Amino acid sequence: MLDLLSDILTKISVQGTLYFRTSFTMPWGVAVPSFENVARFHFAHRGNCVVAVDGADQPITVAQGDLIIIPHGAAHSLYCGKDPEKHTLPLDTVLEKSGYDGTGVLVYGGDEDDNETQLICGHFSFERHARHILIDRLPPLIHIKNYGEVAGRWMEATLRVIGDEAGGHKLGGDLIALKMSEAILTQAVRAFIESDESAQWGLNGFSDVHLCKALDAFHKKPSASWTVEAMAREAGMSRTNFAVQFQRKMEMSPMQYVSAWRMEIAKRCLADPSNSLTDTAESAGYASDSAFARVFKKEIGMTPASFRKQAQALSVH
């Protein structure tokens, strides 16, 4: 059985994609457009740069060893050197000017060769219809300084391997880097929800020992007959204290969370044409098709049949 965080990220179908490894020399600047259903990442393998993200309060400096995650795929600029407005060009323009063909290292920038910035850039895609507060509530930018040290020795070693393999010439190097990169988002999200900052985004319930026991139990058996009392027992708390702490730390009631996650399970089932409405209702913990359909329409804004039709239409495009 998967643990809580693993279950959430698996169900929303997180898949990593490496764009490229860069070799930028000052002055340089790249404007990356926004994109839906993705979280972008940049790891500073060598050197440093400045990153400005739409929706974030101010630009930040990314030093060697730092990782930034842009959870909602917002437009952002990366640059280094004087006059960033002059040197920052759209990503497509940079790719064209550099002659990058999708393989090897993206080499671009000015003539200051002694100030090289090597980045490992990529994104994590999410299932088109998938939603969860753990992703929805993340801030516009997550900056983890000295990421290898924060994440632990195994991640530091992983990042070194990714840096060596991505865009290299060894057989299978890109695939190795890609598969290893998929651990990055999980570790970054875990580091964030364990930080003090998570409280202001309504996510520190995921690091609460007692609440996590209840959430983990629910995620392992989401179709069971869950009540606030049942979740409180799993947490080892009184019903009242559990409900109060859950609302305070998660900014929603326990049963709101239960309903929301059950709807995610239902959407996955409906997207598979081999599953009947009854199969879907049962997997989401509902005893009758009609009860399930009422809740689904209330929560999602359309009937299960309409959602299935829409999901199947999108799958062929």
C-alpha atoms as a PDB file:
ATOM      1  CA  MET A   1       0.000   0.000   0.000  1.00  0.00           C
ATOM      2  CA  LEU A   2       1.214   3.499  -0.827  1.00  0.00           C
ATOM      3  CA  ASP A   3       1.784   6.072   1.895  1.00  0.00           C
ATOM      4  CA  LEU A   4      -0.271   9.285   1.942  1.00  0.00           C
ATOM      5  CA  LEU A   5       1.929  11.531  -0.203  1.00  0.00           C
ATOM      6  CA  SER A   6       2.785   8.753  -2.652  1.00  0.00           C
ATOM      7  CA  ASP A   7      -0.900   7.901  -3.093  1.00  0.00           C
ATOM      8  CA  ILE A   8      -1.840  11.514  -3.832  1.00  0.00           C
ATOM      9  CA  LEU A   9       0.923  12.083  -6.375  1.00  0.00           C
ATOM     10  CA  THR A  10       0.307   8.724  -8.024  1.00  0.00           C
ATOM     11  CA  LYS A  11      -3.431   9.304  -8.351  1.00  0.00           C
ATOM     12  CA  ILE A  12      -2.950  12.706  -9.988  1.00  0.00           C
ATOM     13  CA  SER A  13      -0.541  11.002 -12.389  1.00  0.00           C
ATOM     14  CA  VAL A  14       2.649  12.986 -11.865  1.00  0.00           C
ATOM     15  CA  GLN A  15       5.135  12.316 -14.651  1.00  0.00           C
ATOM     16  CA  GLY A  16       8.490  13.994 -15.048  1.00  0.00           C
ATOM     17  CA  THR A  17       9.919  15.411 -18.249  1.00  0.00           C
ATOM     18  CA  LEU A  18      13.428  16.807 -18.633  1.00  0.00           C
ATOM     19  CA  TYR A  19      13.695  19.725 -21.028  1.00  0.00           C
ATOM     20  CA  PHE A  20      17.430  20.099 -21.153  1.00  0.00           C
ATOM     21  CA  ARG A  21      20.630  20.933 -19.374  1.00  0.00           C
ATOM     22  CA  THR A  22      21.983  24.415 -20.032  1.00  0.00           C
ATOM     23  CA  SER A  23      25.276  26.194 -20.306  1.00  0.00           C
ATOM     24  CA  PHE A  24      24.467  29.916 -20.076  1.00  0.00           C
ATOM     25  CA  THR A  25      27.176  32.584 -20.064  1.00  0.00           C
ATOM     26  CA  MET A  26      26.550  36.207 -19.039  1.00  0.00           C
ATOM     27  CA  PRO A  27      24.728  38.199 -20.047  1.00  0.00           C
ATOM     28  CA  TRP A  28      21.699  36.020 -20.712  1.00  0.00           C
ATOM     29  CA  GLY A  29      17.987  35.846 -20.011  1.00  0.00           C
ATOM     30  CA  VAL A  30      15.147  33.465 -20.896  1.00  0.00           C
ATOM     31  CA  ALA A  31      11.410  34.175 -20.638  1.00  0.00           C
ATOM     32  CA  VAL A  32       9.485  30.917 -20.156  1.00  0.00           C
ATOM     33  CA  PRO A  33       5.768  31.028 -21.056  1.00  0.00           C
ATOM     34  CA  SER A  34       2.992  29.748 -18.808  1.00  0.00           C
ATOM     35  CA  PHE A  35       1.637  26.247 -19.258  1.00  0.00           C
ATOM     36  CA  GLU A  36      -1.352  24.400 -17.773  1.00  0.00           C
ATOM     37  CA  ASN A  37      -1.289  21.182 -15.748  1.00  0.00           C
ATOM     38  CA  VAL A  38       2.431  21.252 -15.086  1.00  0.00           C
ATOM     39  CA  ALA A  39       4.897  22.117 -12.350  1.00  0.00           C
ATOM     40  CA  ARG A  40       8.206  23.381 -13.692  1.00  0.00           C
ATOM     41  CA  PHE A  41      11.565  22.953 -11.999  1.00  0.00           C
ATOM     42  CA  HIS A  42      15.071  24.370 -12.354  1.00  0.00           C
ATOM     43  CA  PHE A  43      18.059  23.010 -10.456  1.00  0.00           C
ATOM     44  CA  ALA A  44      21.250  25.089 -10.335  1.00  0.00           C
ATOM     45  CA  HIS A  45      23.906  22.478 -11.033  1.00  0.00           C
ATOM     46  CA  ARG A  46      26.602  25.137 -11.337  1.00  0.00           C
ATOM     47  CA  GLY A  47      26.652  28.921 -11.018  1.00  0.00           C
ATOM     48  CA  ASN A  48      23.663  31.110 -10.175  1.00  0.00           C
ATOM     49  CA  CYS A  49      20.920  33.250 -11.671  1.00  0.00           C
ATOM     50  CA  VAL A  50      17.854  35.330 -10.830  1.00  0.00           C
ATOM     51  CA  VAL A  51      14.312  34.008 -11.241  1.00  0.00           C
ATOM     52  CA  ALA A  52      11.186  36.168 -11.473  1.00  0.00           C
ATOM     53  CA  VAL A  53       7.852  34.306 -11.386  1.00  0.00           C
ATOM     54  CA  ASP A  54       4.450  35.766 -12.235  1.00  0.00           C
ATOM     55  CA  GLY A  55       2.450  35.917  -9.013  1.00  0.00           C
ATOM     56  CA  ALA A  56       5.485  35.847  -6.707  1.00  0.00           C
ATOM     57  CA  ASP A  57       6.276  38.913  -4.615  1.00  0.00           C
ATOM     58  CA  GLN A  58       9.761  39.550  -5.969  1.00  0.00           C
ATOM     59  CA  PRO A  59      12.609  37.952  -7.938  1.00  0.00           C
ATOM     60  CA  ILE A  60      14.881  35.551  -6.072  1.00  0.00           C
ATOM     61  CA  THR A  61      18.513  34.621  -6.491  1.00  0.00           C
ATOM     62  CA  VAL A  62      19.133  30.950  -7.122  1.00  0.00           C
ATOM     63  CA  ALA A  63      22.601  29.807  -6.041  1.00  0.00           C
ATOM     64  CA  GLN A  64      24.511  26.675  -6.957  1.00  0.00           C
ATOM     65  CA  GLY A  65      22.787  23.678  -5.386  1.00  0.00           C
ATOM     66  CA  ASP A  66      19.399  25.400  -5.109  1.00  0.00           C
ATOM     67  CA  LEU A  67      16.154  24.011  -6.507  1.00  0.00           C
ATOM     68  CA  ILE A  68      13.081  25.998  -7.513  1.00  0.00           C
ATOM     69  CA  ILE A  69       9.678  24.509  -8.244  1.00  0.00           C
ATOM     70  CA  ILE A  70       7.005  26.541 -10.036  1.00  0.00           C
ATOM     71  CA  PRO A  71       3.993  24.415  -9.051  1.00  0.00           C
ATOM     72  CA  HIS A  72       1.348  25.982 -11.280  1.00  0.00           C
ATOM     73  CA  GLY A  73       3.329  26.402 -14.484  1.00  0.00           C
ATOM     74  CA  ALA A  74       3.324  30.205 -14.273  1.00  0.00           C
ATOM     75  CA  ALA A  75       5.274  32.324 -16.739  1.00  0.00           C
ATOM     76  CA  HIS A  76       8.721  33.203 -15.422  1.00  0.00           C
ATOM     77  CA  SER A  77      12.081  34.651 -16.408  1.00  0.00           C
ATOM     78  CA  LEU A  78      15.577  33.449 -15.601  1.00  0.00           C
ATOM     79  CA  TYR A  79      18.523  35.776 -16.132  1.00  0.00           C
ATOM     80  CA  CYS A  80      22.036  36.690 -15.121  1.00  0.00           C
ATOM     81  CA  GLY A  81      24.014  39.841 -15.842  1.00  0.00           C
ATOM     82  CA  LYS A  82      23.294  43.540 -16.271  1.00  0.00           C
ATOM     83  CA  ASP A  83      20.294  44.963 -18.120  1.00  0.00           C
ATOM     84  CA  PRO A  84      18.043  41.885 -17.872  1.00  0.00           C
ATOM     85  CA  GLU A  85      15.283  43.690 -19.791  1.00  0.00           C
ATOM     86  CA  LYS A  86      17.625  43.975 -22.761  1.00  0.00           C
ATOM     87  CA  HIS A  87      18.965  40.419 -22.697  1.00  0.00           C
ATOM     88  CA  THR A  88      15.888  38.413 -21.701  1.00  0.00           C
ATOM     89  CA  LEU A  89      14.316  36.836 -24.773  1.00  0.00           C
ATOM     90  CA  PRO A  90      11.401  34.401 -25.224  1.00  0.00           C
ATOM     91  CA  LEU A  91      12.342  30.735 -24.836  1.00  0.00           C
ATOM     92  CA  ASP A  92      11.555  29.960 -28.486  1.00  0.00           C
ATOM     93  CA  THR A  93      13.882  32.750 -29.587  1.00  0.00           C
ATOM     94  CA  VAL A  94      16.673  31.468 -27.340  1.00  0.00           C
ATOM     95  CA  LEU A  95      16.246  27.955 -28.728  1.00  0.00           C
ATOM     96  CA  GLU A  96      16.399  29.299 -32.291  1.00  0.00           C
ATOM     97  CA  LYS A  97      19.419  31.538 -31.683  1.00  0.00           C
ATOM     98  CA  SER A  98      21.324  28.771 -29.902  1.00  0.00           C
ATOM     99  CA  GLY A  99      20.645  26.237 -32.622  1.00  0.00           C
ATOM    100  CA  TYR A 100      19.505  23.763 -29.992  1.00  0.00           C
ATOM    101  CA  ASP A 101      18.072  20.643 -31.660  1.00  0.00           C
ATOM    102  CA  GLY A 102      16.699  18.938 -28.574  1.00  0.00           C
ATOM    103  CA  THR A 103      19.797  16.891 -27.777  1.00  0.00           C
ATOM    104  CA  GLY A 104      22.867  17.550 -25.689  1.00  0.00           C
ATOM    105  CA  VAL A 105      23.351  20.809 -23.798  1.00  0.00           C
ATOM    106  CA  LEU A 106      21.633  24.114 -24.582  1.00  0.00           C
ATOM    107  CA  VAL A 107      24.526  26.570 -24.996  1.00  0.00           C
ATOM    108  CA  TYR A 108      23.600  30.254 -25.045  1.00  0.00           C
ATOM    109  CA  GLY A 109      24.576  33.703 -23.796  1.00  0.00           C
ATOM    110  CA  GLY A 110      27.269  36.347 -23.932  1.00  0.00           C
ATOM    111  CA  ASP A 111      31.034  36.182 -24.004  1.00  0.00           C
ATOM    112  CA  GLU A 112      31.720  36.066 -20.250  1.00  0.00           C
ATOM    113  CA  ASP A 113      32.794  32.427 -20.303  1.00  0.00           C
ATOM    114  CA  ASP A 114      34.091  32.527 -16.736  1.00  0.00           C
ATOM    115  CA  ASN A 115      30.536  33.073 -15.440  1.00  0.00           C
ATOM    116  CA  GLU A 116      28.742  29.944 -16.562  1.00  0.00           C
ATOM    117  CA  THR A 117      25.342  28.860 -15.234  1.00  0.00           C
ATOM    118  CA  GLN A 118      24.393  25.215 -15.653  1.00  0.00           C
ATOM    119  CA  LEU A 119      20.737  24.464 -15.037  1.00  0.00           C
ATOM    120  CA  ILE A 120      18.787  21.225 -15.201  1.00  0.00           C
ATOM    121  CA  CYS A 121      15.324  22.198 -16.389  1.00  0.00           C
ATOM    122  CA  GLY A 122      12.134  20.227 -16.701  1.00  0.00           C
ATOM    123  CA  HIS A 123       8.543  19.847 -15.664  1.00  0.00           C
ATOM    124  CA  PHE A 124       6.101  17.487 -14.025  1.00  0.00           C
ATOM    125  CA  SER A 125       2.774  16.978 -15.752  1.00  0.00           C
ATOM    126  CA  PHE A 126      -0.511  16.269 -14.000  1.00  0.00           C
ATOM    127  CA  GLU A 127      -3.595  14.470 -15.265  1.00  0.00           C
ATOM    128  CA  ARG A 128      -5.776  17.074 -16.972  1.00  0.00           C
ATOM    129  CA  HIS A 129      -8.755  16.655 -14.618  1.00  0.00           C
ATOM    130  CA  ALA A 130      -6.821  15.812 -11.452  1.00  0.00           C
ATOM    131  CA  ARG A 131      -7.020  18.152  -8.471  1.00  0.00           C
ATOM    132  CA  HIS A 132      -5.817  18.011  -4.899  1.00  0.00           C
ATOM    133  CA  ILE A 133      -5.290  20.692  -2.286  1.00  0.00           C
ATOM    134  CA  LEU A 134      -1.713  19.514  -1.796  1.00  0.00           C
ATOM    135  CA  ILE A 135      -0.900  20.849  -5.273  1.00  0.00           C
ATOM    136  CA  ASP A 136      -3.585  23.531  -5.641  1.00  0.00           C
ATOM    137  CA  ARG A 137      -2.509  25.362  -2.493  1.00  0.00           C
ATOM    138  CA  LEU A 138       1.231  25.418  -3.129  1.00  0.00           C
ATOM    139  CA  PRO A 139       2.653  28.952  -3.536  1.00  0.00           C
ATOM    140  CA  PRO A 140       3.655  30.346  -6.965  1.00  0.00           C
ATOM    141  CA  LEU A 141       7.283  29.494  -6.209  1.00  0.00           C
ATOM    142  CA  ILE A 142       9.050  27.037  -3.919  1.00  0.00           C
ATOM    143  CA  HIS A 143      12.728  27.818  -3.357  1.00  0.00           C
ATOM    144  CA  ILE A 144      14.763  25.173  -1.537  1.00  0.00           C
ATOM    145  CA  LYS A 145      18.260  26.374  -0.824  1.00  0.00           C
ATOM    146  CA  ASN A 146      21.117  23.891  -1.000  1.00  0.00           C
ATOM    147  CA  TYR A 147      18.605  21.252  -2.024  1.00  0.00           C
ATOM    148  CA  GLY A 148      20.913  18.275  -1.941  1.00  0.00           C
ATOM    149  CA  GLU A 149      21.761  18.895   1.702  1.00  0.00           C
ATOM    150  CA  VAL A 150      18.130  19.559   2.697  1.00  0.00           C
ATOM    151  CA  ALA A 151      16.832  16.461   0.947  1.00  0.00           C
ATOM    152  CA  GLY A 152      19.566  14.198   2.240  1.00  0.00           C
ATOM    153  CA  ARG A 153      22.620  12.459   0.881  1.00  0.00           C
ATOM    154  CA  TRP A 154      20.627  10.187  -1.421  1.00  0.00           C
ATOM    155  CA  MET A 155      19.065  13.202  -3.175  1.00  0.00           C
ATOM    156  CA  GLU A 156      22.394  14.969  -3.423  1.00  0.00           C
ATOM    157  CA  ALA A 157      23.778  11.871  -5.139  1.00  0.00           C
ATOM    158  CA  THR A 158      20.680  11.696  -7.359  1.00  0.00           C
ATOM    159  CA  LEU A 159      21.127  15.282  -8.470  1.00  0.00           C
ATOM    160  CA  ARG A 160      24.775  14.677  -9.272  1.00  0.00           C
ATOM    161  CA  VAL A 161      23.788  11.709 -11.424  1.00  0.00           C
ATOM    162  CA  ILE A 162      21.077  13.734 -13.181  1.00  0.00           C
ATOM    163  CA  GLY A 163      23.577  16.497 -13.836  1.00  0.00           C
ATOM    164  CA  ASP A 164      26.083  14.054 -15.277  1.00  0.00           C
ATOM    165  CA  GLU A 165      23.583  12.066 -17.344  1.00  0.00           C
ATOM    166  CA  ALA A 166      21.168  14.692 -18.705  1.00  0.00           C
ATOM    167  CA  GLY A 167      22.192  15.786 -22.159  1.00  0.00           C
ATOM    168  CA  GLY A 168      25.307  13.644 -22.032  1.00  0.00           C
ATOM    169  CA  HIS A 169      26.632  11.153 -24.549  1.00  0.00           C
ATOM    170  CA  LYS A 170      26.327   7.899 -22.607  1.00  0.00           C
ATOM    171  CA  LEU A 171      23.741   5.412 -23.806  1.00  0.00           C
ATOM    172  CA  GLY A 172      20.522   5.633 -21.778  1.00  0.00           C
ATOM    173  CA  GLY A 173      21.668   8.762 -19.965  1.00  0.00           C
ATOM    174  CA  ASP A 174      18.563  10.815 -20.710  1.00  0.00           C
ATOM    175  CA  LEU A 175      16.232   8.050 -19.531  1.00  0.00           C
ATOM    176  CA  ILE A 176      18.213   7.606 -16.321  1.00  0.00           C
ATOM    177  CA  ALA A 177      18.048  11.348 -15.662  1.00  0.00           C
ATOM    178  CA  LEU A 178      14.322  11.442 -16.447  1.00  0.00           C
ATOM    179  CA  LYS A 179      13.366   8.599 -14.110  1.00  0.00           C
ATOM    180  CA  MET A 180      15.472   9.949 -11.302  1.00  0.00           C
ATOM    181  CA  SER A 181      13.977  13.425 -11.734  1.00  0.00           C
ATOM    182  CA  GLU A 182      10.518  12.133 -10.823  1.00  0.00           C
ATOM    183  CA  ALA A 183      11.668  11.843  -7.204  1.00  0.00           C
ATOM    184  CA  ILE A 184      12.401  15.569  -7.123  1.00  0.00           C
ATOM    185  CA  LEU A 185       8.808  16.813  -6.894  1.00  0.00           C
ATOM    186  CA  THR A 186       7.899  14.357  -4.145  1.00  0.00           C
ATOM    187  CA  GLN A 187      10.911  15.361  -2.088  1.00  0.00           C
ATOM    188  CA  ALA A 188      10.305  19.073  -2.719  1.00  0.00           C
ATOM    189  CA  VAL A 189       6.643  18.871  -1.683  1.00  0.00           C
ATOM    190  CA  ARG A 190       7.616  16.906   1.425  1.00  0.00           C
ATOM    191  CA  ALA A 191      10.239  19.490   2.339  1.00  0.00           C
ATOM    192  CA  PHE A 192       7.707  22.288   1.876  1.00  0.00           C
ATOM    193  CA  ILE A 193       4.886  20.782   3.954  1.00  0.00           C
ATOM    194  CA  GLU A 194       7.377  20.080   6.743  1.00  0.00           C
ATOM    195  CA  SER A 195       8.499  23.720   6.724  1.00  0.00           C
ATOM    196  CA  ASP A 196       7.023  26.547   8.820  1.00  0.00           C
ATOM    197  CA  GLU A 197       5.824  28.235   5.624  1.00  0.00           C
ATOM    198  CA  SER A 198       3.244  25.508   4.943  1.00  0.00           C
ATOM    199  CA  ALA A 199       0.922  26.854   7.663  1.00  0.00           C
ATOM    200  CA  GLN A 200       0.100  30.025   5.748  1.00  0.00           C
ATOM    201  CA  TRP A 201      -0.978  27.940   2.745  1.00  0.00           C
ATOM    202  CA  GLY A 202      -3.244  25.594   4.686  1.00  0.00           C
ATOM    203  CA  LEU A 203      -0.978  22.582   4.244  1.00  0.00           C
ATOM    204  CA  ASN A 204       0.612  21.974   7.632  1.00  0.00           C
ATOM    205  CA  GLY A 205      -2.018  19.353   8.447  1.00  0.00           C
ATOM    206  CA  PHE A 206      -0.053  16.975   6.240  1.00  0.00           C
ATOM    207  CA  SER A 207       2.885  17.164   8.637  1.00  0.00           C
ATOM    208  CA  ASP A 208       0.761  16.794  11.774  1.00  0.00           C
ATOM    209  CA  VAL A 209       1.457  13.341  13.227  1.00  0.00           C
ATOM    210  CA  HIS A 210      -2.114  12.695  14.395  1.00  0.00           C
ATOM    211  CA  LEU A 211      -3.955  14.110  11.371  1.00  0.00           C
ATOM    212  CA  CYS A 212      -1.643  12.184   9.071  1.00  0.00           C
ATOM    213  CA  LYS A 213      -2.623   8.913  10.721  1.00  0.00           C
ATOM    214  CA  ALA A 214      -6.265   9.596   9.869  1.00  0.00           C
ATOM    215  CA  LEU A 215      -5.489  10.801   6.343  1.00  0.00           C
ATOM    216  CA  ASP A 216      -3.267   7.819   5.672  1.00  0.00           C
ATOM    217  CA  ALA A 217      -5.940   5.405   6.880  1.00  0.00           C
ATOM    218  CA  PHE A 218      -8.551   7.077   4.688  1.00  0.00           C
ATOM    219  CA  HIS A 219      -6.327   7.014   1.588  1.00  0.00           C
ATOM    220  CA  LYS A 220      -5.663   3.303   2.085  1.00  0.00           C
ATOM    221  CA  LYS A 221      -9.409   2.517   2.181  1.00  0.00           C
ATOM    222  CA  PRO A 222     -11.253   5.484   0.648  1.00  0.00           C
ATOM    223  CA  SER A 223     -14.422   3.483  -0.065  1.00  0.00           C
ATOM    224  CA  ALA A 224     -14.925   2.485   3.584  1.00  0.00           C
ATOM    225  CA  SER A 225     -17.725   4.030   5.667  1.00  0.00           C
ATOM    226  CA  TRP A 226     -15.764   7.019   6.915  1.00  0.00           C
ATOM    227  CA  THR A 227     -17.156   9.419   9.509  1.00  0.00           C
ATOM    228  CA  VAL A 228     -15.512  12.122  11.593  1.00  0.00           C
ATOM    229  CA  GLU A 229     -15.627   9.715  14.528  1.00  0.00           C
ATOM    230  CA  ALA A 230     -13.874   6.978  12.562  1.00  0.00           C
ATOM    231  CA  MET A 231     -11.133   9.337  11.386  1.00  0.00           C
ATOM    232  CA  ALA A 232     -10.694  10.683  14.927  1.00  0.00           C
ATOM    233  CA  ARG A 233     -10.156   7.127  16.211  1.00  0.00           C
ATOM    234  CA  GLU A 234      -7.428   6.604  13.613  1.00  0.00           C
ATOM    235  CA  ALA A 235      -5.816   9.846  14.744  1.00  0.00           C
ATOM    236  CA  GLY A 236      -6.011   8.849  18.405  1.00  0.00           C
ATOM    237  CA  MET A 237      -7.982  12.001  19.222  1.00  0.00           C
ATOM    238  CA  SER A 238     -11.427  12.909  20.490  1.00  0.00           C
ATOM    239  CA  ARG A 239     -14.004  13.675  17.807  1.00  0.00           C
ATOM    240  CA  THR A 240     -14.240  17.340  18.777  1.00  0.00           C
ATOM    241  CA  ASN A 241     -10.498  17.964  19.018  1.00  0.00           C
ATOM    242  CA  PHE A 242      -9.872  16.138  15.750  1.00  0.00           C
ATOM    243  CA  ALA A 243     -12.533  18.147  13.892  1.00  0.00           C
ATOM    244  CA  VAL A 244     -11.229  21.451  15.286  1.00  0.00           C
ATOM    245  CA  GLN A 245      -7.566  20.691  14.519  1.00  0.00           C
ATOM    246  CA  PHE A 246      -8.404  19.391  11.050  1.00  0.00           C
ATOM    247  CA  GLN A 247     -10.379  22.529  10.187  1.00  0.00           C
ATOM    248  CA  ARG A 248      -7.650  24.803  11.568  1.00  0.00           C
ATOM    249  CA  LYS A 249      -4.748  23.142   9.822  1.00  0.00           C
ATOM    250  CA  MET A 250      -6.419  21.982   6.587  1.00  0.00           C
ATOM    251  CA  GLU A 251      -8.888  24.876   6.168  1.00  0.00           C
ATOM    252  CA  MET A 252     -11.675  22.413   5.414  1.00  0.00           C
ATOM    253  CA  SER A 253     -13.691  19.854   7.369  1.00  0.00           C
ATOM    254  CA  PRO A 254     -12.709  16.170   7.468  1.00  0.00           C
ATOM    255  CA  MET A 255     -15.750  15.157   5.419  1.00  0.00           C
ATOM    256  CA  GLN A 256     -15.077  17.868   2.830  1.00  0.00           C
ATOM    257  CA  TYR A 257     -11.661  16.310   2.346  1.00  0.00           C
ATOM    258  CA  VAL A 258     -13.183  12.831   2.109  1.00  0.00           C
ATOM    259  CA  SER A 259     -15.704  13.938  -0.519  1.00  0.00           C
ATOM    260  CA  ALA A 260     -13.113  15.812  -2.562  1.00  0.00           C
ATOM    261  CA  TRP A 261     -10.730  12.850  -2.747  1.00  0.00           C
ATOM    262  CA  ARG A 262     -13.524  10.414  -3.527  1.00  0.00           C
ATOM    263  CA  MET A 263     -14.452  12.607  -6.479  1.00  0.00           C
ATOM    264  CA  GLU A 264     -10.861  12.352  -7.747  1.00  0.00           C
ATOM    265  CA  ILE A 265     -11.104   8.583  -7.569  1.00  0.00           C
ATOM    266  CA  ALA A 266     -14.423   8.753  -9.405  1.00  0.00           C
ATOM    267  CA  LYS A 267     -12.985  10.919 -12.177  1.00  0.00           C
ATOM    268  CA  ARG A 268     -10.202   8.398 -12.767  1.00  0.00           C
ATOM    269  CA  CYS A 269     -12.750   5.586 -12.960  1.00  0.00           C
ATOM    270  CA  LEU A 270     -15.061   7.483 -15.305  1.00  0.00           C
ATOM    271  CA  ALA A 271     -12.189   8.226 -17.668  1.00  0.00           C
ATOM    272  CA  ASP A 272     -11.838   4.481 -18.218  1.00  0.00           C
ATOM    273  CA  PRO A 273     -14.727   3.366 -20.480  1.00  0.00           C
ATOM    274  CA  SER A 274     -14.561  -0.174 -19.115  1.00  0.00           C
ATOM    275  CA  ASN A 275     -15.864   1.002 -15.724  1.00  0.00           C
ATOM    276  CA  SER A 276     -19.621   1.209 -15.243  1.00  0.00           C
ATOM    277  CA  LEU A 277     -21.382   3.868 -13.174  1.00  0.00           C
ATOM    278  CA  THR A 278     -21.907   1.261 -10.448  1.00  0.00           C
ATOM    279  CA  ASP A 279     -18.194   0.373 -10.465  1.00  0.00           C
ATOM    280  CA  THR A 280     -17.347   4.042 -10.116  1.00  0.00           C
ATOM    281  CA  ALA A 281     -19.845   4.645  -7.312  1.00  0.00           C
ATOM    282  CA  GLU A 282     -18.532   1.684  -5.333  1.00  0.00           C
ATOM    283  CA  SER A 283     -14.883   2.683  -5.764  1.00  0.00           C
ATOM    284  CA  ALA A 284     -15.760   6.142  -4.430  1.00  0.00           C
ATOM    285  CA  GLY A 285     -17.571   4.734  -1.391  1.00  0.00           C
ATOM    286  CA  TYR A 286     -21.215   5.203  -2.396  1.00  0.00           C
ATOM    287  CA  ALA A 287     -23.840   2.498  -1.920  1.00  0.00           C
ATOM    288  CA  SER A 288     -26.064   3.675  -4.773  1.00  0.00           C
ATOM    289  CA  ASP A 289     -25.578   5.152  -8.225  1.00  0.00           C
ATOM    290  CA  SER A 290     -28.084   7.920  -7.542  1.00  0.00           C
ATOM    291  CA  ALA A 291     -26.393   9.064  -4.319  1.00  0.00           C
ATOM    292  CA  PHE A 292     -23.037   9.116  -6.076  1.00  0.00           C
ATOM    293  CA  ALA A 293     -24.406  11.009  -9.091  1.00  0.00           C
ATOM    294  CA  ARG A 294     -25.924  13.708  -6.846  1.00  0.00           C
ATOM    295  CA  VAL A 295     -22.656  14.306  -5.000  1.00  0.00           C
ATOM    296  CA  PHE A 296     -20.592  14.186  -8.193  1.00  0.00           C
ATOM    297  CA  LYS A 297     -22.730  16.831  -9.900  1.00  0.00           C
ATOM    298  CA  LYS A 298     -22.614  19.047  -6.811  1.00  0.00           C
ATOM    299  CA  GLU A 299     -18.842  18.781  -6.436  1.00  0.00           C
ATOM    300  CA  ILE A 300     -17.728  18.691 -10.077  1.00  0.00           C
ATOM    301  CA  GLY A 301     -20.475  20.719 -11.722  1.00  0.00           C
ATOM    302  CA  MET A 302     -21.592  18.120 -14.250  1.00  0.00           C
ATOM    303  CA  THR A 303     -23.129  14.664 -14.313  1.00  0.00           C
ATOM    304  CA  PRO A 304     -20.919  11.564 -14.360  1.00  0.00           C
ATOM    305  CA  ALA A 305     -22.096  10.839 -17.916  1.00  0.00           C
ATOM    306  CA  SER A 306     -21.143  14.339 -19.091  1.00  0.00           C
ATOM    307  CA  PHE A 307     -17.750  14.070 -17.440  1.00  0.00           C
ATOM    308  CA  ARG A 308     -17.087  10.686 -19.048  1.00  0.00           C
ATOM    309  CA  LYS A 309     -18.019  12.049 -22.469  1.00  0.00           C
ATOM    310  CA  GLN A 310     -15.732  15.073 -22.017  1.00  0.00           C
ATOM    311  CA  ALA A 311     -12.828  12.965 -20.733  1.00  0.00           C
ATOM    312  CA  GLN A 312     -13.091  10.534 -23.646  1.00  0.00           C
ATOM    313  CA  ALA A 313     -13.247  13.400 -26.162  1.00  0.00           C
ATOM    314  CA  LEU A 314     -10.076  14.924 -24.712  1.00  0.00           C
ATOM    315  CA  SER A 315      -8.264  11.583 -24.727  1.00  0.00           C
ATOM    316  CA  VAL A 316      -8.481  11.300 -28.511  1.00  0.00           C
ATOM    317  CA  HIS A 317      -6.908  14.745 -29.075  1.00  0.00           C
END
